[in-house]
Protein backbone atom coordinates (compact mmCIF):
# COMPACT_ATOMS: atom_id res chain seq x y z
CA MET A 1 -17.57 47.25 -5.27
CA LYS A 2 -14.63 47.34 -7.66
CA GLN A 3 -15.31 46.45 -11.27
CA LEU A 4 -13.96 43.12 -12.47
CA ARG A 5 -11.56 42.94 -15.43
CA ALA A 6 -12.47 40.48 -18.18
CA LEU A 7 -9.33 38.59 -19.24
CA ASN A 8 -10.74 35.44 -20.91
CA ALA A 9 -7.42 33.61 -20.58
CA GLN A 10 -7.20 29.99 -21.71
CA ARG A 11 -3.46 29.72 -22.52
CA ILE A 12 -1.45 31.30 -19.72
CA VAL A 13 2.26 31.95 -19.16
CA VAL A 14 3.27 32.47 -15.52
CA LYS A 15 6.66 33.97 -14.75
CA VAL A 16 7.92 33.71 -11.18
CA GLY A 17 10.88 35.79 -10.08
CA THR A 18 13.84 34.76 -7.97
CA SER A 19 12.71 36.87 -5.01
CA SER A 20 9.47 34.88 -4.92
CA LEU A 21 11.35 31.58 -4.77
CA ILE A 22 14.52 32.22 -2.74
CA TYR A 23 15.06 33.55 0.78
CA ALA A 24 17.84 36.05 1.46
CA ASN A 25 19.95 33.14 2.79
CA SER A 26 19.81 31.39 -0.63
CA GLN A 27 17.37 28.73 0.56
CA LEU A 28 14.19 27.81 -1.27
CA LYS A 29 10.78 29.08 -0.23
CA LEU A 30 9.27 25.60 -0.25
CA ARG A 31 5.79 26.69 0.83
CA THR A 32 5.60 29.18 -2.05
CA ILE A 33 6.71 26.53 -4.54
CA SER A 34 4.17 24.07 -3.16
CA ARG A 35 1.37 26.63 -3.47
CA LEU A 36 2.49 27.54 -6.98
CA ALA A 37 2.38 23.88 -8.01
CA MET A 38 -1.08 23.53 -6.47
CA VAL A 39 -2.49 26.57 -8.27
CA LEU A 40 -1.03 25.72 -11.68
CA SER A 41 -2.13 22.09 -11.32
CA ASP A 42 -5.62 23.28 -10.44
CA LEU A 43 -5.67 25.46 -13.56
CA LYS A 44 -4.73 22.40 -15.58
CA ASN A 45 -7.63 20.53 -13.95
CA GLN A 46 -9.89 23.35 -15.16
CA GLY A 47 -8.74 22.66 -18.71
CA LYS A 48 -6.39 25.63 -19.06
CA GLU A 49 -2.99 25.45 -20.74
CA VAL A 50 -0.15 26.59 -18.50
CA ILE A 51 3.52 27.38 -19.09
CA LEU A 52 5.82 28.32 -16.20
CA VAL A 53 8.87 30.54 -16.73
CA SER A 54 10.98 30.20 -13.61
CA SER A 55 13.98 32.12 -12.37
CA GLY A 56 15.97 31.02 -9.35
CA ALA A 57 18.62 28.64 -10.68
CA ILE A 58 21.59 30.71 -9.58
CA GLY A 59 20.05 31.31 -6.15
CA VAL A 60 19.42 27.60 -5.69
CA GLY A 61 22.96 26.82 -6.84
CA MET A 62 24.39 29.32 -4.38
CA GLY A 63 22.40 27.68 -1.59
CA LYS A 64 23.61 24.25 -2.65
CA LEU A 65 27.24 25.42 -2.46
CA GLY A 66 26.76 27.43 0.72
CA LEU A 67 27.58 30.74 -0.99
CA THR A 68 26.20 34.01 0.36
CA LYS A 69 27.52 36.34 -2.35
CA ARG A 70 26.96 35.97 -6.07
CA PRO A 71 30.29 35.56 -7.91
CA THR A 72 31.16 38.05 -10.63
CA ALA A 73 33.04 35.75 -13.01
CA ILE A 74 30.79 34.47 -15.81
CA PRO A 75 32.18 30.88 -15.76
CA ASP A 76 31.52 30.73 -12.00
CA GLN A 77 27.96 31.96 -12.50
CA GLN A 78 27.34 29.46 -15.29
CA ALA A 79 28.66 26.58 -13.19
CA ILE A 80 26.44 27.60 -10.28
CA VAL A 81 23.43 27.82 -12.61
CA ALA A 82 24.16 24.28 -13.86
CA ILE A 83 24.06 23.04 -10.26
CA GLY A 84 20.99 25.07 -9.33
CA GLN A 85 18.95 24.26 -12.42
CA SER A 86 18.96 20.51 -11.81
CA GLU A 87 18.08 21.01 -8.14
CA LEU A 88 15.30 23.47 -8.99
CA MET A 89 13.74 21.08 -11.50
CA ALA A 90 13.91 18.25 -8.97
CA VAL A 91 12.01 20.41 -6.48
CA TYR A 92 9.42 21.34 -9.09
CA ASP A 93 9.05 17.72 -10.18
CA ARG A 94 8.30 16.64 -6.61
CA ALA A 95 5.93 19.55 -6.00
CA PHE A 96 3.85 18.93 -9.12
CA ALA A 97 3.89 15.16 -8.58
CA ASN A 98 1.83 15.77 -5.43
CA TYR A 99 -0.98 16.81 -7.78
CA ASP A 100 -0.34 14.11 -10.40
CA LYS A 101 1.04 16.59 -12.91
CA ALA A 102 4.01 16.01 -15.18
CA VAL A 103 6.49 18.78 -15.91
CA ALA A 104 9.16 19.18 -18.58
CA GLN A 105 12.26 21.35 -18.62
CA MET A 106 12.82 23.70 -21.57
CA LEU A 107 16.10 25.63 -21.59
CA LEU A 108 16.11 28.26 -24.33
CA THR A 109 18.63 30.57 -25.95
CA ARG A 110 17.91 33.68 -27.98
CA ASP A 111 18.24 31.86 -31.30
CA VAL A 112 14.61 30.78 -30.85
CA ILE A 113 13.69 34.26 -32.08
CA THR A 114 16.73 34.81 -34.33
CA TYR A 115 16.62 31.62 -36.41
CA PRO A 116 13.36 30.38 -37.96
CA GLN A 117 14.22 26.70 -37.56
CA SER A 118 15.06 27.11 -33.87
CA HIS A 119 11.82 29.02 -33.40
CA ALA A 120 9.81 26.30 -35.14
CA ASN A 121 11.49 23.55 -33.10
CA ALA A 122 10.82 25.31 -29.80
CA LEU A 123 7.22 26.09 -30.74
CA ASN A 124 6.60 22.50 -31.83
CA THR A 125 7.93 21.28 -28.48
CA PHE A 126 5.69 23.66 -26.56
CA GLU A 127 2.63 22.62 -28.53
CA ARG A 128 3.34 18.91 -28.15
CA LEU A 129 3.97 19.20 -24.40
CA LEU A 130 0.69 21.06 -23.95
CA LYS A 131 -1.04 18.41 -26.05
CA PHE A 132 0.42 15.76 -23.73
CA ASN A 133 -1.05 17.70 -20.79
CA VAL A 134 2.44 18.48 -19.47
CA ILE A 135 3.47 21.77 -17.85
CA PRO A 136 6.60 23.17 -19.55
CA ILE A 137 9.00 24.85 -17.12
CA VAL A 138 11.16 27.35 -18.99
CA ASN A 139 14.44 28.99 -18.13
CA GLU A 140 17.29 30.46 -20.08
CA ASN A 141 20.14 28.08 -20.92
CA ASP A 142 22.68 30.17 -19.02
CA VAL A 143 25.39 27.55 -19.34
CA VAL A 144 25.79 28.34 -23.05
CA SER A 145 24.16 31.78 -23.29
CA LEU A 146 26.52 34.63 -24.10
CA GLU A 147 26.04 38.25 -25.09
CA GLU A 148 29.35 39.27 -26.53
CA LEU A 149 30.91 39.76 -29.96
CA ASP A 150 28.60 38.29 -32.64
CA HIS A 151 27.42 35.37 -30.52
CA LYS A 152 24.35 36.93 -28.93
CA THR A 153 22.28 34.13 -27.48
CA LYS A 154 21.22 35.67 -24.16
CA PHE A 155 17.73 37.05 -23.46
CA SER A 156 19.18 39.41 -20.78
CA ASN A 157 16.62 38.32 -18.16
CA ASN A 158 13.63 36.07 -17.60
CA ASP A 159 11.15 38.94 -17.79
CA GLN A 160 12.05 39.29 -21.47
CA LEU A 161 12.10 35.52 -21.88
CA SER A 162 8.59 35.20 -20.48
CA ALA A 163 7.31 37.85 -22.91
CA ILE A 164 9.03 36.09 -25.81
CA VAL A 165 7.45 32.77 -24.82
CA THR A 166 4.07 34.53 -24.54
CA ASN A 167 4.49 35.82 -28.08
CA MET A 168 5.75 32.50 -29.42
CA VAL A 169 2.89 30.36 -28.13
CA ALA A 170 0.24 33.06 -28.73
CA ALA A 171 -0.78 32.99 -25.06
CA ASP A 172 -3.81 34.93 -23.90
CA LEU A 173 -2.12 36.24 -20.78
CA LEU A 174 1.29 36.63 -19.14
CA ILE A 175 1.29 36.79 -15.34
CA VAL A 176 4.54 38.14 -13.87
CA LEU A 177 4.86 37.37 -10.16
CA SER A 178 7.40 39.56 -8.41
CA ASP A 179 8.11 41.07 -4.98
CA ILE A 180 6.00 44.18 -5.61
CA ASP A 181 2.23 44.63 -5.73
CA GLY A 182 2.27 46.11 -9.24
CA PHE A 183 3.54 49.18 -11.06
CA TYR A 184 3.61 52.42 -9.10
CA ASP A 185 3.92 56.01 -10.33
CA ALA A 186 6.95 56.33 -8.01
CA ASN A 187 9.15 54.04 -5.94
CA PRO A 188 6.95 52.91 -3.01
CA ASN A 189 10.05 51.98 -1.00
CA ASN A 190 11.05 55.62 -0.55
CA ASN A 191 7.88 57.51 -1.49
CA PRO A 192 4.87 56.86 0.77
CA ALA A 193 2.67 58.83 -1.64
CA ALA A 194 3.37 56.42 -4.52
CA LYS A 195 0.18 55.15 -6.15
CA LEU A 196 -0.40 51.75 -7.71
CA LEU A 197 -1.50 52.04 -11.34
CA PRO A 198 -4.25 49.44 -11.90
CA GLU A 199 -4.04 49.48 -15.71
CA ILE A 200 -1.55 50.69 -18.33
CA ASP A 201 -2.22 50.68 -22.08
CA GLN A 202 1.06 52.16 -23.34
CA ILE A 203 4.62 52.59 -22.11
CA GLY A 204 5.27 56.34 -22.38
CA PRO A 205 8.02 58.62 -20.99
CA ALA A 206 6.21 59.14 -17.66
CA ILE A 207 5.92 55.38 -17.10
CA LEU A 208 9.57 54.82 -18.00
CA LYS A 209 10.63 57.61 -15.65
CA ALA A 210 8.73 56.00 -12.78
CA ALA A 211 10.66 52.73 -13.21
CA GLY A 212 14.12 52.16 -11.82
CA GLY A 213 16.56 49.96 -9.93
CA HIS A 214 17.55 46.30 -10.06
CA GLY A 215 16.15 43.35 -8.20
CA SER A 216 17.79 41.19 -5.55
CA GLN A 217 21.39 39.97 -5.54
CA PHE A 218 20.15 36.62 -6.86
CA GLY A 219 18.17 38.02 -9.79
CA THR A 220 18.85 40.26 -12.76
CA GLY A 221 15.46 41.90 -13.12
CA GLY A 222 13.97 45.18 -11.97
CA MET A 223 11.00 47.30 -12.92
CA VAL A 224 12.65 48.44 -16.16
CA THR A 225 12.94 44.84 -17.38
CA LYS A 226 9.28 44.25 -16.55
CA LEU A 227 8.29 47.31 -18.58
CA LYS A 228 10.30 45.98 -21.52
CA ALA A 229 8.42 42.71 -21.22
CA ALA A 230 5.15 44.63 -21.10
CA GLU A 231 6.15 46.58 -24.22
CA ARG A 232 6.69 43.34 -26.12
CA VAL A 233 3.36 41.95 -24.91
CA LEU A 234 1.48 45.14 -25.85
CA ALA A 235 3.14 45.20 -29.28
CA HIS A 236 1.70 41.73 -29.94
CA HIS A 237 -1.77 42.74 -28.72
CA GLN A 238 -1.57 40.47 -25.70
CA GLN A 239 -2.14 41.02 -21.97
CA MET A 240 0.18 41.02 -18.98
CA VAL A 241 -0.46 41.34 -15.25
CA LEU A 242 2.30 42.30 -12.82
CA ALA A 243 1.46 41.25 -9.26
CA ASN A 244 3.00 40.19 -5.97
CA GLY A 245 4.06 36.53 -5.94
CA LYS A 246 4.33 36.16 -2.16
CA ASP A 247 1.22 33.96 -2.31
CA PRO A 248 0.77 32.30 -5.72
CA GLN A 249 -2.95 31.95 -5.01
CA ILE A 250 -3.19 35.54 -6.21
CA ILE A 251 -3.36 33.93 -9.66
CA TYR A 252 -6.95 32.95 -8.84
CA GLN A 253 -7.80 36.59 -8.16
CA ILE A 254 -6.15 37.69 -11.39
CA LEU A 255 -8.02 35.17 -13.51
CA ALA A 256 -11.29 36.03 -11.74
CA GLY A 257 -10.80 39.59 -12.95
CA GLU A 258 -10.20 41.12 -9.53
CA PRO A 259 -8.28 44.43 -9.74
CA VAL A 260 -5.03 43.19 -8.20
CA GLY A 261 -1.64 44.15 -9.55
CA THR A 262 -1.22 46.15 -12.74
CA LEU A 263 -2.82 45.04 -16.00
CA PHE A 264 -1.01 45.93 -19.23
CA ARG A 265 -3.22 45.78 -22.32
CA GLN A 266 -4.30 47.94 -25.22
CA PRO A 267 -7.80 49.45 -25.30
CA ASN A 268 -8.90 47.26 -28.22
CA ILE A 269 -7.98 44.15 -26.21
CA LYS A 270 -10.14 45.46 -23.38
CA GLU A 271 -13.10 45.84 -25.73
CA GLN A 272 -12.65 42.32 -27.11
CA ALA A 273 -12.46 40.80 -23.61
CA GLN A 274 -15.71 42.41 -22.46
């Protein structure tokens, strides 16, 4: 019998990637979204505090417009995100309403970590929403986010954003749901001998070397961006689990301490959790 991992997570940030939400034809995976809403609502019923960081706006926007290829022009991408974000929130609102849970949209730009007042305002909003028993749904405000000249307001991807939110709200655990079972010592897509690493306590050269590649055409993430998120989480003495989001009910296994996915945490965190 495999040993359980003590996580002791009360305040949880869940990040779901585009590949977990969108089919290759740009249409929504409605069953996955419904299951995600059920699991997070159930966690709320258990008395836990939950924040969802969701990708997928550009994929939803592409589906809404009947596009099969992501445009390269930034204004086109931002317009598509504007379309997709409203549709995505409408889908989430309906899904969570089935379980009598209220959700709230929070669109953030990088100034929440650059400017103290912006940081305080965002944190106050998070805390008040959680107090109201509402589930915040977070995404980057891509319509106004830029990363050029001196106007750097973009997080670069939602993996980083989820880690920043985890730091900001002092969450006990970040769960990153992706299209891979966890972190491997080599690319499992082209190396059948690749081994899943159940736990990582530091991001060293060997770990960085094992990471590579980008995600789907709809997303901006890859394993490197997830390692950067893990680095930020580890630096703040927090915990992160990377797992496959095909079935969101895997969250139950993670919180039960079952050895699924890859757990990122420092040894001293492990000792405190036991």
